[in-house]
Amino acid sequence: MPSFYEGFGIPLIEAMYLGVPAISASNSSLLEIGKDICLFFNEYKVSSIKETIEKVLNNQKLQKNMIKNGLLNIKKYDWRNHAKRIIEVHRSR
């Protein structure tokens, strides 16, 4: 995800959901969404993007860990969980 700025980072969540290792620019919400799951690169340096892509492509163990962690992390972005939390907040008032 070679973006210069993202408000939320939905493509990273989609990659996690689909079990795809993802690399990302190191800025904005992408750092929070991809923390401990994605590998990050300097979005201003083509060489950094290239090296990060190669690192993931050449390391199957890394790929498997990224996929596993992504599938675990995706649960916190499930709309049903958000809906339950919103209902709980309203009921507690």
PDB file of N, CA and C in Angstrom:
ATOM      1  N   MET A   1       0.850  -1.159   0.000  1.00  0.00           N
ATOM      2  CA  MET A   1       0.000   0.000   0.000  1.00  0.00           C
ATOM      3  C   MET A   1       0.906   1.235   0.000  1.00  0.00           C
ATOM      4  N   PRO A   2       1.272   1.707  -1.166  1.00  0.00           N
ATOM      5  CA  PRO A   2       2.198   2.841  -1.255  1.00  0.00           C
ATOM      6  C   PRO A   2       1.481   4.187  -1.230  1.00  0.00           C
ATOM      7  N   SER A   3       0.800   4.446  -0.152  1.00  0.00           N
ATOM      8  CA  SER A   3       0.012   5.660  -0.029  1.00  0.00           C
ATOM      9  C   SER A   3       0.762   6.720   0.779  1.00  0.00           C
ATOM     10  N   PHE A   4       0.567   7.973   0.418  1.00  0.00           N
ATOM     11  CA  PHE A   4       1.180   9.058   1.177  1.00  0.00           C
ATOM     12  C   PHE A   4       0.338   9.457   2.386  1.00  0.00           C
ATOM     13  N   TYR A   5      -0.949   9.113   2.376  1.00  0.00           N
ATOM     14  CA  TYR A   5      -1.805   9.386   3.524  1.00  0.00           C
ATOM     15  C   TYR A   5      -3.082   8.568   3.399  1.00  0.00           C
ATOM     16  N   GLU A   6      -3.508   7.978   4.489  1.00  0.00           N
ATOM     17  CA  GLU A   6      -4.767   7.244   4.537  1.00  0.00           C
ATOM     18  C   GLU A   6      -5.524   7.634   5.793  1.00  0.00           C
ATOM     19  N   GLY A   7      -6.796   7.851   5.641  1.00  0.00           N
ATOM     20  CA  GLY A   7      -7.625   8.177   6.786  1.00  0.00           C
ATOM     21  C   GLY A   7      -7.901   6.974   7.659  1.00  0.00           C
ATOM     22  N   PHE A   8      -7.964   5.787   7.052  1.00  0.00           N
ATOM     23  CA  PHE A   8      -8.242   4.594   7.854  1.00  0.00           C
ATOM     24  C   PHE A   8      -7.423   3.382   7.447  1.00  0.00           C
ATOM     25  N   GLY A   9      -7.312   3.035   6.209  1.00  0.00           N
ATOM     26  CA  GLY A   9      -6.512   1.888   5.798  1.00  0.00           C
ATOM     27  C   GLY A   9      -7.311   0.633   5.504  1.00  0.00           C
ATOM     28  N   ILE A  10      -8.469   0.788   4.922  1.00  0.00           N
ATOM     29  CA  ILE A  10      -9.331  -0.359   4.605  1.00  0.00           C
ATOM     30  C   ILE A  10      -8.619  -1.419   3.758  1.00  0.00           C
ATOM     31  N   PRO A  11      -7.782  -1.057   2.774  1.00  0.00           N
ATOM     32  CA  PRO A  11      -7.106  -2.115   2.013  1.00  0.00           C
ATOM     33  C   PRO A  11      -6.254  -3.054   2.876  1.00  0.00           C
ATOM     34  N   LEU A  12      -5.676  -2.558   3.948  1.00  0.00           N
ATOM     35  CA  LEU A  12      -4.916  -3.439   4.838  1.00  0.00           C
ATOM     36  C   LEU A  12      -5.846  -4.407   5.555  1.00  0.00           C
ATOM     37  N   ILE A  13      -6.989  -3.936   5.973  1.00  0.00           N
ATOM     38  CA  ILE A  13      -7.969  -4.804   6.623  1.00  0.00           C
ATOM     39  C   ILE A  13      -8.478  -5.843   5.635  1.00  0.00           C
ATOM     40  N   GLU A  14      -8.716  -5.433   4.398  1.00  0.00           N
ATOM     41  CA  GLU A  14      -9.158  -6.381   3.374  1.00  0.00           C
ATOM     42  C   GLU A  14      -8.091  -7.453   3.142  1.00  0.00           C
ATOM     43  N   ALA A  15      -6.830  -7.066   3.101  1.00  0.00           N
ATOM     44  CA  ALA A  15      -5.749  -8.038   2.914  1.00  0.00           C
ATOM     45  C   ALA A  15      -5.716  -9.034   4.075  1.00  0.00           C
ATOM     46  N   MET A  16      -5.850  -8.540   5.302  1.00  0.00           N
ATOM     47  CA  MET A  16      -5.876  -9.425   6.464  1.00  0.00           C
ATOM     48  C   MET A  16      -7.026 -10.419   6.351  1.00  0.00           C
ATOM     49  N   TYR A  17      -8.195  -9.919   6.008  1.00  0.00           N
ATOM     50  CA  TYR A  17      -9.389 -10.750   5.907  1.00  0.00           C
ATOM     51  C   TYR A  17      -9.208 -11.863   4.873  1.00  0.00           C
ATOM     52  N   LEU A  18      -8.521 -11.544   3.779  1.00  0.00           N
ATOM     53  CA  LEU A  18      -8.320 -12.506   2.698  1.00  0.00           C
ATOM     54  C   LEU A  18      -7.076 -13.374   2.895  1.00  0.00           C
ATOM     55  N   GLY A  19      -6.344 -13.158   3.973  1.00  0.00           N
ATOM     56  CA  GLY A  19      -5.161 -13.953   4.236  1.00  0.00           C
ATOM     57  C   GLY A  19      -4.008 -13.644   3.299  1.00  0.00           C
ATOM     58  N   VAL A  20      -3.836 -12.363   3.009  1.00  0.00           N
ATOM     59  CA  VAL A  20      -2.780 -11.926   2.100  1.00  0.00           C
ATOM     60  C   VAL A  20      -1.762 -11.106   2.887  1.00  0.00           C
ATOM     61  N   PRO A  21      -0.483 -11.466   2.829  1.00  0.00           N
ATOM     62  CA  PRO A  21       0.525 -10.631   3.486  1.00  0.00           C
ATOM     63  C   PRO A  21       0.534  -9.245   2.837  1.00  0.00           C
ATOM     64  N   ALA A  22       0.650  -8.219   3.641  1.00  0.00           N
ATOM     65  CA  ALA A  22       0.600  -6.858   3.104  1.00  0.00           C
ATOM     66  C   ALA A  22       1.806  -6.060   3.565  1.00  0.00           C
ATOM     67  N   ILE A  23       2.268  -5.203   2.668  1.00  0.00           N
ATOM     68  CA  ILE A  23       3.286  -4.226   3.033  1.00  0.00           C
ATOM     69  C   ILE A  23       2.641  -2.853   2.875  1.00  0.00           C
ATOM     70  N   SER A  24       3.179  -1.895   3.592  1.00  0.00           N
ATOM     71  CA  SER A  24       2.503  -0.607   3.630  1.00  0.00           C
ATOM     72  C   SER A  24       3.474   0.543   3.832  1.00  0.00           C
ATOM     73  N   ALA A  25       3.035   1.699   3.367  1.00  0.00           N
ATOM     74  CA  ALA A  25       3.740   2.937   3.677  1.00  0.00           C
ATOM     75  C   ALA A  25       3.710   3.138   5.188  1.00  0.00           C
ATOM     76  N   SER A  26       4.684   3.842   5.696  1.00  0.00           N
ATOM     77  CA  SER A  26       4.794   4.023   7.148  1.00  0.00           C
ATOM     78  C   SER A  26       4.283   5.396   7.564  1.00  0.00           C
ATOM     79  N   ASN A  27       2.971   5.602   7.409  1.00  0.00           N
ATOM     80  CA  ASN A  27       2.392   6.889   7.782  1.00  0.00           C
ATOM     81  C   ASN A  27       0.942   6.736   8.215  1.00  0.00           C
ATOM     82  N   SER A  28       0.407   7.785   8.723  1.00  0.00           N
ATOM     83  CA  SER A  28      -1.009   7.951   9.095  1.00  0.00           C
ATOM     84  C   SER A  28      -1.570   6.732   9.813  1.00  0.00           C
ATOM     85  N   SER A  29      -2.802   6.387   9.525  1.00  0.00           N
ATOM     86  CA  SER A  29      -3.474   5.279  10.204  1.00  0.00           C
ATOM     87  C   SER A  29      -2.901   3.924   9.830  1.00  0.00           C
ATOM     88  N   LEU A  30      -2.128   3.881   8.765  1.00  0.00           N
ATOM     89  CA  LEU A  30      -1.570   2.611   8.300  1.00  0.00           C
ATOM     90  C   LEU A  30      -0.678   1.976   9.359  1.00  0.00           C
ATOM     91  N   LEU A  31       0.031   2.797  10.106  1.00  0.00           N
ATOM     92  CA  LEU A  31       0.888   2.277  11.176  1.00  0.00           C
ATOM     93  C   LEU A  31       0.070   1.595  12.265  1.00  0.00           C
ATOM     94  N   GLU A  32      -1.065   2.168  12.593  1.00  0.00           N
ATOM     95  CA  GLU A  32      -1.916   1.580  13.625  1.00  0.00           C
ATOM     96  C   GLU A  32      -2.616   0.331  13.120  1.00  0.00           C
ATOM     97  N   ILE A  33      -3.178   0.388  11.938  1.00  0.00           N
ATOM     98  CA  ILE A  33      -3.920  -0.750  11.384  1.00  0.00           C
ATOM     99  C   ILE A  33      -2.987  -1.937  11.142  1.00  0.00           C
ATOM    100  N   GLY A  34      -1.797  -1.680  10.626  1.00  0.00           N
ATOM    101  CA  GLY A  34      -0.886  -2.750  10.255  1.00  0.00           C
ATOM    102  C   GLY A  34       0.128  -3.156  11.301  1.00  0.00           C
ATOM    103  N   LYS A  35       0.069  -2.533  12.462  1.00  0.00           N
ATOM    104  CA  LYS A  35       1.044  -2.805  13.529  1.00  0.00           C
ATOM    105  C   LYS A  35       1.111  -4.305  13.828  1.00  0.00           C
ATOM    106  N   ASP A  36       2.305  -4.835  13.870  1.00  0.00           N
ATOM    107  CA  ASP A  36       2.576  -6.239  14.178  1.00  0.00           C
ATOM    108  C   ASP A  36       2.053  -7.219  13.128  1.00  0.00           C
ATOM    109  N   ILE A  37       1.604  -6.708  11.978  1.00  0.00           N
ATOM    110  CA  ILE A  37       1.071  -7.571  10.927  1.00  0.00           C
ATOM    111  C   ILE A  37       1.755  -7.301   9.598  1.00  0.00           C
ATOM    112  N   CYS A  38       1.820  -6.045   9.222  1.00  0.00           N
ATOM    113  CA  CYS A  38       2.403  -5.643   7.938  1.00  0.00           C
ATOM    114  C   CYS A  38       3.883  -5.318   8.107  1.00  0.00           C
ATOM    115  N   LEU A  39       4.568  -5.315   6.988  1.00  0.00           N
ATOM    116  CA  LEU A  39       5.901  -4.730   6.963  1.00  0.00           C
ATOM    117  C   LEU A  39       5.751  -3.332   6.382  1.00  0.00           C
ATOM    118  N   PHE A  40       6.516  -2.406   6.891  1.00  0.00           N
ATOM    119  CA  PHE A  40       6.405  -1.018   6.462  1.00  0.00           C
ATOM    120  C   PHE A  40       7.628  -0.585   5.679  1.00  0.00           C
ATOM    121  N   PHE A  41       7.416   0.342   4.758  1.00  0.00           N
ATOM    122  CA  PHE A  41       8.495   0.891   3.944  1.00  0.00           C
ATOM    123  C   PHE A  41       8.394   2.401   3.917  1.00  0.00           C
ATOM    124  N   ASN A  42       9.473   3.023   3.496  1.00  0.00           N
ATOM    125  CA  ASN A  42       9.491   4.473   3.311  1.00  0.00           C
ATOM    126  C   ASN A  42       8.818   4.772   1.978  1.00  0.00           C
ATOM    127  N   GLU A  43       7.680   5.386   2.024  1.00  0.00           N
ATOM    128  CA  GLU A  43       6.877   5.642   0.820  1.00  0.00           C
ATOM    129  C   GLU A  43       7.519   6.631  -0.153  1.00  0.00           C
ATOM    130  N   TYR A  44       8.566   7.278   0.279  1.00  0.00           N
ATOM    131  CA  TYR A  44       9.259   8.241  -0.580  1.00  0.00           C
ATOM    132  C   TYR A  44      10.475   7.637  -1.291  1.00  0.00           C
ATOM    133  N   LYS A  45      10.762   6.373  -0.996  1.00  0.00           N
ATOM    134  CA  LYS A  45      11.927   5.721  -1.597  1.00  0.00           C
ATOM    135  C   LYS A  45      11.508   4.452  -2.323  1.00  0.00           C
ATOM    136  N   VAL A  46      11.636   4.462  -3.628  1.00  0.00           N
ATOM    137  CA  VAL A  46      11.293   3.285  -4.433  1.00  0.00           C
ATOM    138  C   VAL A  46      12.116   2.083  -3.981  1.00  0.00           C
ATOM    139  N   SER A  47      13.369   2.307  -3.639  1.00  0.00           N
ATOM    140  CA  SER A  47      14.230   1.199  -3.208  1.00  0.00           C
ATOM    141  C   SER A  47      13.697   0.545  -1.928  1.00  0.00           C
ATOM    142  N   SER A  48      13.103   1.329  -1.042  1.00  0.00           N
ATOM    143  CA  SER A  48      12.533   0.792   0.188  1.00  0.00           C
ATOM    144  C   SER A  48      11.322  -0.089  -0.121  1.00  0.00           C
ATOM    145  N   ILE A  49      10.488   0.356  -1.051  1.00  0.00           N
ATOM    146  CA  ILE A  49       9.315  -0.446  -1.459  1.00  0.00           C
ATOM    147  C   ILE A  49       9.797  -1.759  -2.064  1.00  0.00           C
ATOM    148  N   LYS A  50      10.759  -1.677  -2.979  1.00  0.00           N
ATOM    149  CA  LYS A  50      11.305  -2.858  -3.655  1.00  0.00           C
ATOM    150  C   LYS A  50      11.880  -3.848  -2.647  1.00  0.00           C
ATOM    151  N   GLU A  51      12.692  -3.374  -1.725  1.00  0.00           N
ATOM    152  CA  GLU A  51      13.318  -4.247  -0.732  1.00  0.00           C
ATOM    153  C   GLU A  51      12.293  -4.922   0.165  1.00  0.00           C
ATOM    154  N   THR A  52      11.245  -4.204   0.519  1.00  0.00           N
ATOM    155  CA  THR A  52      10.212  -4.766   1.385  1.00  0.00           C
ATOM    156  C   THR A  52       9.409  -5.827   0.645  1.00  0.00           C
ATOM    157  N   ILE A  53       9.084  -5.576  -0.612  1.00  0.00           N
ATOM    158  CA  ILE A  53       8.387  -6.579  -1.429  1.00  0.00           C
ATOM    159  C   ILE A  53       9.239  -7.848  -1.519  1.00  0.00           C
ATOM    160  N   GLU A  54      10.507  -7.684  -1.819  1.00  0.00           N
ATOM    161  CA  GLU A  54      11.405  -8.835  -1.957  1.00  0.00           C
ATOM    162  C   GLU A  54      11.544  -9.602  -0.643  1.00  0.00           C
ATOM    163  N   LYS A  55      11.587  -8.874   0.459  1.00  0.00           N
ATOM    164  CA  LYS A  55      11.713  -9.521   1.766  1.00  0.00           C
ATOM    165  C   LYS A  55      10.536 -10.463   2.016  1.00  0.00           C
ATOM    166  N   VAL A  56       9.332 -10.015   1.700  1.00  0.00           N
ATOM    167  CA  VAL A  56       8.142 -10.851   1.918  1.00  0.00           C
ATOM    168  C   VAL A  56       8.095 -11.997   0.906  1.00  0.00           C
ATOM    169  N   LEU A  57       8.361 -11.701  -0.350  1.00  0.00           N
ATOM    170  CA  LEU A  57       8.301 -12.737  -1.385  1.00  0.00           C
ATOM    171  C   LEU A  57       9.308 -13.861  -1.163  1.00  0.00           C
ATOM    172  N   ASN A  58      10.439 -13.537  -0.579  1.00  0.00           N
ATOM    173  CA  ASN A  58      11.512 -14.517  -0.412  1.00  0.00           C
ATOM    174  C   ASN A  58      11.527 -15.215   0.940  1.00  0.00           C
ATOM    175  N   ASN A  59      10.498 -15.023   1.747  1.00  0.00           N
ATOM    176  CA  ASN A  59      10.497 -15.605   3.090  1.00  0.00           C
ATOM    177  C   ASN A  59       9.116 -16.192   3.406  1.00  0.00           C
ATOM    178  N   GLN A  60       8.961 -17.489   3.169  1.00  0.00           N
ATOM    179  CA  GLN A  60       7.665 -18.133   3.396  1.00  0.00           C
ATOM    180  C   GLN A  60       7.259 -18.145   4.869  1.00  0.00           C
ATOM    181  N   LYS A  61       8.224 -18.265   5.744  1.00  0.00           N
ATOM    182  CA  LYS A  61       7.909 -18.234   7.181  1.00  0.00           C
ATOM    183  C   LYS A  61       7.328 -16.870   7.562  1.00  0.00           C
ATOM    184  N   LEU A  62       7.925 -15.817   7.069  1.00  0.00           N
ATOM    185  CA  LEU A  62       7.419 -14.467   7.305  1.00  0.00           C
ATOM    186  C   LEU A  62       6.002 -14.327   6.748  1.00  0.00           C
ATOM    187  N   GLN A  63       5.785 -14.816   5.540  1.00  0.00           N
ATOM    188  CA  GLN A  63       4.449 -14.761   4.928  1.00  0.00           C
ATOM    189  C   GLN A  63       3.421 -15.451   5.818  1.00  0.00           C
ATOM    190  N   LYS A  64       3.745 -16.648   6.284  1.00  0.00           N
ATOM    191  CA  LYS A  64       2.809 -17.407   7.127  1.00  0.00           C
ATOM    192  C   LYS A  64       2.502 -16.665   8.424  1.00  0.00           C
ATOM    193  N   ASN A  65       3.529 -16.066   9.035  1.00  0.00           N
ATOM    194  CA  ASN A  65       3.305 -15.294  10.269  1.00  0.00           C
ATOM    195  C   ASN A  65       2.439 -14.068  10.016  1.00  0.00           C
ATOM    196  N   MET A  66       2.690 -13.388   8.904  1.00  0.00           N
ATOM    197  CA  MET A  66       1.891 -12.207   8.568  1.00  0.00           C
ATOM    198  C   MET A  66       0.430 -12.597   8.355  1.00  0.00           C
ATOM    199  N   ILE A  67       0.209 -13.702   7.664  1.00  0.00           N
ATOM    200  CA  ILE A  67      -1.155 -14.178   7.411  1.00  0.00           C
ATOM    201  C   ILE A  67      -1.834 -14.557   8.721  1.00  0.00           C
ATOM    202  N   LYS A  68      -1.135 -15.350   9.543  1.00  0.00           N
ATOM    203  CA  LYS A  68      -1.699 -15.791  10.825  1.00  0.00           C
ATOM    204  C   LYS A  68      -2.066 -14.591  11.706  1.00  0.00           C
ATOM    205  N   ASN A  69      -1.139 -13.657  11.842  1.00  0.00           N
ATOM    206  CA  ASN A  69      -1.403 -12.478  12.679  1.00  0.00           C
ATOM    207  C   ASN A  69      -2.519 -11.614  12.103  1.00  0.00           C
ATOM    208  N   GLY A  70      -2.584 -11.508  10.792  1.00  0.00           N
ATOM    209  CA  GLY A  70      -3.654 -10.745  10.157  1.00  0.00           C
ATOM    210  C   GLY A  70      -5.017 -11.351  10.412  1.00  0.00           C
ATOM    211  N   LEU A  71      -5.112 -12.684  10.304  1.00  0.00           N
ATOM    212  CA  LEU A  71      -6.393 -13.357  10.534  1.00  0.00           C
ATOM    213  C   LEU A  71      -6.842 -13.232  11.987  1.00  0.00           C
ATOM    214  N   LEU A  72      -5.894 -13.189  12.906  1.00  0.00           N
ATOM    215  CA  LEU A  72      -6.244 -12.965  14.316  1.00  0.00           C
ATOM    216  C   LEU A  72      -6.676 -11.518  14.547  1.00  0.00           C
ATOM    217  N   ASN A  73      -5.966 -10.598  13.945  1.00  0.00           N
ATOM    218  CA  ASN A  73      -6.224  -9.169  14.141  1.00  0.00           C
ATOM    219  C   ASN A  73      -7.537  -8.708  13.514  1.00  0.00           C
ATOM    220  N   ILE A  74      -7.944  -9.338  12.442  1.00  0.00           N
ATOM    221  CA  ILE A  74      -9.128  -8.891  11.701  1.00  0.00           C
ATOM    222  C   ILE A  74     -10.386  -8.946  12.563  1.00  0.00           C
ATOM    223  N   LYS A  75     -10.388  -9.788  13.563  1.00  0.00           N
ATOM    224  CA  LYS A  75     -11.573  -9.939  14.417  1.00  0.00           C
ATOM    225  C   LYS A  75     -11.976  -8.621  15.079  1.00  0.00           C
ATOM    226  N   LYS A  76     -11.012  -7.772  15.380  1.00  0.00           N
ATOM    227  CA  LYS A  76     -11.369  -6.519  16.041  1.00  0.00           C
ATOM    228  C   LYS A  76     -11.996  -5.503  15.095  1.00  0.00           C
ATOM    229  N   TYR A  77     -11.982  -5.799  13.789  1.00  0.00           N
ATOM    230  CA  TYR A  77     -12.602  -4.900  12.816  1.00  0.00           C
ATOM    231  C   TYR A  77     -13.926  -5.439  12.280  1.00  0.00           C
ATOM    232  N   ASP A  78     -14.452  -6.459  12.906  1.00  0.00           N
ATOM    233  CA  ASP A  78     -15.722  -7.059  12.487  1.00  0.00           C
ATOM    234  C   ASP A  78     -16.873  -6.106  12.844  1.00  0.00           C
ATOM    235  N   TRP A  79     -17.731  -5.829  11.881  1.00  0.00           N
ATOM    236  CA  TRP A  79     -18.838  -4.887  12.093  1.00  0.00           C
ATOM    237  C   TRP A  79     -19.778  -5.344  13.197  1.00  0.00           C
ATOM    238  N   ARG A  80     -19.948  -6.661  13.351  1.00  0.00           N
ATOM    239  CA  ARG A  80     -20.825  -7.154  14.423  1.00  0.00           C
ATOM    240  C   ARG A  80     -20.281  -6.762  15.784  1.00  0.00           C
ATOM    241  N   ASN A  81     -18.951  -6.838  15.939  1.00  0.00           N
ATOM    242  CA  ASN A  81     -18.349  -6.429  17.214  1.00  0.00           C
ATOM    243  C   ASN A  81     -18.552  -4.941  17.473  1.00  0.00           C
ATOM    244  N   HIS A  82     -18.412  -4.140  16.445  1.00  0.00           N
ATOM    245  CA  HIS A  82     -18.644  -2.698  16.604  1.00  0.00           C
ATOM    246  C   HIS A  82     -20.098  -2.411  16.957  1.00  0.00           C
ATOM    247  N   ALA A  83     -20.999  -3.098  16.301  1.00  0.00           N
ATOM    248  CA  ALA A  83     -22.426  -2.895  16.589  1.00  0.00           C
ATOM    249  C   ALA A  83     -22.736  -3.273  18.037  1.00  0.00           C
ATOM    250  N   LYS A  84     -22.188  -4.383  18.508  1.00  0.00           N
ATOM    251  CA  LYS A  84     -22.407  -4.798  19.903  1.00  0.00           C
ATOM    252  C   LYS A  84     -21.893  -3.744  20.873  1.00  0.00           C
ATOM    253  N   ARG A  85     -20.713  -3.201  20.588  1.00  0.00           N
ATOM    254  CA  ARG A  85     -20.157  -2.170  21.470  1.00  0.00           C
ATOM    255  C   ARG A  85     -21.018  -0.923  21.499  1.00  0.00           C
ATOM    256  N   ILE A  86     -21.500  -0.512  20.361  1.00  0.00           N
ATOM    257  CA  ILE A  86     -22.357   0.675  20.287  1.00  0.00           C
ATOM    258  C   ILE A  86     -23.635   0.443  21.084  1.00  0.00           C
ATOM    259  N   ILE A  87     -24.240  -0.736  20.938  1.00  0.00           N
ATOM    260  CA  ILE A  87     -25.456  -1.067  21.687  1.00  0.00           C
ATOM    261  C   ILE A  87     -25.168  -1.060  23.188  1.00  0.00           C
ATOM    262  N   GLU A  88     -24.035  -1.629  23.592  1.00  0.00           N
ATOM    263  CA  GLU A  88     -23.673  -1.642  25.009  1.00  0.00           C
ATOM    264  C   GLU A  88     -23.499  -0.233  25.565  1.00  0.00           C
ATOM    265  N   VAL A  89     -22.895   0.638  24.796  1.00  0.00           N
ATOM    266  CA  VAL A  89     -22.708   2.023  25.234  1.00  0.00           C
ATOM    267  C   VAL A  89     -24.075   2.695  25.438  1.00  0.00           C
ATOM    268  N   HIS A  90     -24.978   2.508  24.515  1.00  0.00           N
ATOM    269  CA  HIS A  90     -26.299   3.125  24.629  1.00  0.00           C
ATOM    270  C   HIS A  90     -27.107   2.532  25.770  1.00  0.00           C
ATOM    271  N   ARG A  91     -26.974   1.248  26.005  1.00  0.00           N
ATOM    272  CA  ARG A  91     -27.713   0.603  27.109  1.00  0.00           C
ATOM    273  C   ARG A  91     -27.179   1.035  28.468  1.00  0.00           C
ATOM    274  N   SER A  92     -25.893   1.364  28.526  1.00  0.00           N
ATOM    275  CA  SER A  92     -25.303   1.739  29.813  1.00  0.00           C
ATOM    276  C   SER A  92     -25.658   3.158  30.244  1.00  0.00           C
ATOM    277  N   ARG A  93     -26.310   3.885  29.388  1.00  0.00           N
ATOM    278  CA  ARG A  93     -26.655   5.277  29.736  1.00  0.00           C
ATOM    279  C   ARG A  93     -27.996   5.366  30.381  1.00  0.00           C
TER     280      ARG A  93
END
